[in-house]
Amino acid sequence: MENISSQDTIQLALTAIFVLIAAMVLWKLSGLIKRGRKEPKKSTYFRNSMKERQNKL
């Protein structure tokens, strides 16, 4: 079995950090793109609960 040197460990750690940063950047960009295309969703919770209360009366 081959031993893993400290240089290999450092390179693997730096690669993992780079991948995490790239994933976070892509995640933020996709959020900005989606937000720009769509209107924010409006909650219907309060509207529906008021209708239910009126129907019970």
C-alpha atoms as a PDB file:
ATOM      1  CA  MET A   1       0.000   0.000   0.000  1.00  0.00           C
ATOM      2  CA  GLU A   2       1.316   3.408  -0.949  1.00  0.00           C
ATOM      3  CA  ASN A   3       1.853   6.049   1.733  1.00  0.00           C
ATOM      4  CA  ILE A   4       0.251   9.453   1.297  1.00  0.00           C
ATOM      5  CA  SER A   5       2.712  12.296   1.676  1.00  0.00           C
ATOM      6  CA  SER A   6       1.956  15.608   3.316  1.00  0.00           C
ATOM      7  CA  GLN A   7       2.214  17.303  -0.089  1.00  0.00           C
ATOM      8  CA  ASP A   8      -0.576  15.080  -1.423  1.00  0.00           C
ATOM      9  CA  THR A   9      -2.704  15.869   1.632  1.00  0.00           C
ATOM     10  CA  ILE A  10      -2.206  19.616   1.175  1.00  0.00           C
ATOM     11  CA  GLN A  11      -3.026  19.393  -2.523  1.00  0.00           C
ATOM     12  CA  LEU A  12      -6.184  17.403  -1.793  1.00  0.00           C
ATOM     13  CA  ALA A  13      -7.272  19.907   0.873  1.00  0.00           C
ATOM     14  CA  LEU A  14      -6.714  22.858  -1.469  1.00  0.00           C
ATOM     15  CA  THR A  15      -8.658  21.094  -4.214  1.00  0.00           C
ATOM     16  CA  ALA A  16     -11.543  20.460  -1.814  1.00  0.00           C
ATOM     17  CA  ILE A  17     -11.582  24.122  -0.748  1.00  0.00           C
ATOM     18  CA  PHE A  18     -11.549  25.239  -4.389  1.00  0.00           C
ATOM     19  CA  VAL A  19     -14.464  22.930  -5.232  1.00  0.00           C
ATOM     20  CA  LEU A  20     -16.482  24.219  -2.263  1.00  0.00           C
ATOM     21  CA  ILE A  21     -15.869  27.851  -3.214  1.00  0.00           C
ATOM     22  CA  ALA A  22     -16.794  27.173  -6.847  1.00  0.00           C
ATOM     23  CA  ALA A  23     -20.005  25.416  -5.757  1.00  0.00           C
ATOM     24  CA  MET A  24     -20.963  28.324  -3.486  1.00  0.00           C
ATOM     25  CA  VAL A  25     -20.365  30.854  -6.272  1.00  0.00           C
ATOM     26  CA  LEU A  26     -22.465  28.842  -8.726  1.00  0.00           C
ATOM     27  CA  TRP A  27     -25.222  28.472  -6.112  1.00  0.00           C
ATOM     28  CA  LYS A  28     -25.328  32.235  -5.540  1.00  0.00           C
ATOM     29  CA  LEU A  29     -25.307  32.956  -9.275  1.00  0.00           C
ATOM     30  CA  SER A  30     -28.172  30.553  -9.910  1.00  0.00           C
ATOM     31  CA  GLY A  31     -30.138  32.226  -7.116  1.00  0.00           C
ATOM     32  CA  LEU A  32     -29.572  35.654  -8.638  1.00  0.00           C
ATOM     33  CA  ILE A  33     -30.582  34.439 -12.087  1.00  0.00           C
ATOM     34  CA  LYS A  34     -33.770  32.805 -10.786  1.00  0.00           C
ATOM     35  CA  ARG A  35     -34.669  35.844  -8.674  1.00  0.00           C
ATOM     36  CA  GLY A  36     -34.234  38.114 -11.673  1.00  0.00           C
ATOM     37  CA  ARG A  37     -36.576  36.044 -13.826  1.00  0.00           C
ATOM     38  CA  LYS A  38     -39.383  35.505 -11.330  1.00  0.00           C
ATOM     39  CA  GLU A  39     -41.442  37.732  -9.148  1.00  0.00           C
ATOM     40  CA  PRO A  40     -41.186  36.873  -5.464  1.00  0.00           C
ATOM     41  CA  LYS A  41     -43.880  34.478  -4.308  1.00  0.00           C
ATOM     42  CA  LYS A  42     -46.598  35.983  -2.176  1.00  0.00           C
ATOM     43  CA  SER A  43     -47.799  33.966   0.755  1.00  0.00           C
ATOM     44  CA  THR A  44     -51.440  32.870   0.687  1.00  0.00           C
ATOM     45  CA  TYR A  45     -51.423  31.605   4.261  1.00  0.00           C
ATOM     46  CA  PHE A  46     -53.098  34.641   5.810  1.00  0.00           C
ATOM     47  CA  ARG A  47     -55.548  35.052   2.970  1.00  0.00           C
ATOM     48  CA  ASN A  48     -56.657  31.419   3.209  1.00  0.00           C
ATOM     49  CA  SER A  49     -56.925  31.456   6.997  1.00  0.00           C
ATOM     50  CA  MET A  50     -59.152  34.560   6.888  1.00  0.00           C
ATOM     51  CA  LYS A  51     -61.397  32.901   4.289  1.00  0.00           C
ATOM     52  CA  GLU A  52     -61.711  29.826   6.504  1.00  0.00           C
ATOM     53  CA  ARG A  53     -62.675  31.988   9.488  1.00  0.00           C
ATOM     54  CA  GLN A  54     -65.316  33.823   7.472  1.00  0.00           C
ATOM     55  CA  ASN A  55     -66.728  30.544   6.164  1.00  0.00           C
ATOM     56  CA  LYS A  56     -67.086  29.210   9.716  1.00  0.00           C
ATOM     57  CA  LEU A  57     -69.107  32.257  10.789  1.00  0.00           C
END
